[in-house]
């Protein structure tokens, strides 16, 4: 397991989320440092493959696929209970 703590501040003033990399999967955490904000794989510093985002209570908020940083395929948004709310198709630009 590789563990990284990111305290970088972006030019827009937003603090980078804490993250860790487990079995090649990048996991970012909400500001509380305990609940997962997102998870997925990075290739050459770009999201690639399937990613998921979560609310602070742990329910799934959104999921979708990237192809080297570009959103592609089906993207699903979930309601506050984690049930599928809507689906959109993203074509690679």
Protein backbone atom coordinates (compact mmCIF):
# COMPACT_ATOMS: atom_id res chain seq x y z
CA UNK A 1 0.00 0.00 0.00
CA UNK A 2 1.30 3.42 -0.96
CA UNK A 3 0.06 6.34 1.13
CA UNK A 4 0.32 10.00 0.12
CA UNK A 5 -0.88 13.10 1.95
CA UNK A 6 -1.51 16.07 -0.32
CA UNK A 7 -1.52 19.54 1.22
CA UNK A 8 -1.11 21.32 -2.10
CA UNK A 9 -3.01 24.55 -2.65
CA UNK A 10 -4.16 25.13 -6.22
CA UNK A 11 -3.83 28.59 -7.79
CA UNK A 12 -7.59 29.05 -7.27
CA UNK A 13 -7.06 28.66 -3.50
CA UNK A 14 -8.69 25.23 -3.16
CA UNK A 15 -6.83 22.73 -0.97
CA UNK A 16 -6.06 19.40 -2.64
CA UNK A 17 -7.89 16.44 -1.10
CA UNK A 18 -5.97 13.89 0.96
CA UNK A 19 -5.42 10.72 -1.02
CA UNK A 20 -3.90 7.29 -0.92
CA UNK A 21 -3.15 4.72 -3.59
CA UNK A 22 -4.15 1.12 -2.84
CA UNK A 23 -3.57 -1.63 -5.42
CA UNK A 24 -3.32 1.00 -8.16
CA UNK A 25 -6.59 2.65 -7.16
CA UNK A 26 -6.45 6.34 -6.18
CA UNK A 27 -8.75 7.13 -3.27
CA UNK A 28 -9.45 10.76 -2.35
CA UNK A 29 -11.14 11.76 0.91
CA UNK A 30 -13.61 14.45 1.98
CA UNK A 31 -12.23 17.29 4.15
CA UNK A 32 -12.90 15.23 7.29
CA UNK A 33 -10.18 12.84 6.07
CA UNK A 34 -12.31 9.79 6.88
CA UNK A 35 -15.02 9.37 4.27
CA UNK A 36 -14.18 8.60 0.67
CA UNK A 37 -14.81 11.35 -1.89
CA UNK A 38 -13.75 9.46 -5.03
CA UNK A 39 -11.91 6.38 -6.25
CA UNK A 40 -10.51 5.19 -9.54
CA UNK A 41 -7.29 4.58 -11.43
CA UNK A 42 -4.86 7.20 -12.69
CA UNK A 43 -2.62 6.70 -15.73
CA UNK A 44 -0.02 9.37 -16.53
CA UNK A 45 -1.72 11.71 -13.99
CA UNK A 46 -5.08 11.37 -15.77
CA UNK A 47 -8.19 9.50 -14.61
CA UNK A 48 -8.65 6.34 -16.65
CA UNK A 49 -11.29 3.62 -16.48
CA UNK A 50 -14.18 3.46 -14.02
CA UNK A 51 -14.51 6.15 -11.30
CA UNK A 52 -16.99 6.71 -8.48
CA UNK A 53 -17.74 9.75 -6.28
CA UNK A 54 -19.40 9.65 -2.87
CA UNK A 55 -21.30 11.95 -0.56
CA UNK A 56 -20.02 12.67 2.94
CA UNK A 57 -22.45 10.03 4.30
CA UNK A 58 -20.87 7.38 2.03
CA UNK A 59 -23.69 7.02 -0.52
CA UNK A 60 -22.66 6.95 -4.17
CA UNK A 61 -23.14 10.32 -5.89
CA UNK A 62 -21.84 9.73 -9.45
CA UNK A 63 -20.03 7.13 -11.50
CA UNK A 64 -18.58 6.96 -14.96
CA UNK A 65 -15.68 6.08 -17.22
CA UNK A 66 -12.64 8.02 -18.39
CA UNK A 67 -10.38 7.36 -21.35
CA UNK A 68 -7.08 9.04 -20.45
CA UNK A 69 -8.79 12.01 -18.79
CA UNK A 70 -11.76 12.29 -21.17
CA UNK A 71 -15.21 11.27 -19.85
CA UNK A 72 -16.72 8.56 -22.07
CA UNK A 73 -19.66 6.19 -22.11
CA UNK A 74 -22.43 6.05 -19.54
CA UNK A 75 -22.31 8.43 -16.56
CA UNK A 76 -24.79 7.80 -13.77
CA UNK A 77 -25.97 10.27 -11.11
CA UNK A 78 -27.49 8.82 -7.94
CA UNK A 79 -30.07 10.30 -5.55
CA UNK A 80 -29.35 10.94 -1.86
CA UNK A 81 -30.16 7.30 -1.04
CA UNK A 82 -27.71 5.96 -3.63
CA UNK A 83 -30.38 4.93 -6.15
CA UNK A 84 -29.86 5.62 -9.86
CA UNK A 85 -31.38 9.03 -10.64
CA UNK A 86 -30.27 9.73 -14.22
CA UNK A 87 -27.92 8.49 -16.87
CA UNK A 88 -26.11 10.38 -19.62
CA UNK A 89 -23.85 9.22 -22.45
CA UNK A 90 -20.58 11.07 -22.94
CA UNK A 91 -18.82 10.87 -26.30
CA UNK A 92 -15.09 11.42 -26.43
CA UNK A 93 -14.33 14.91 -27.72
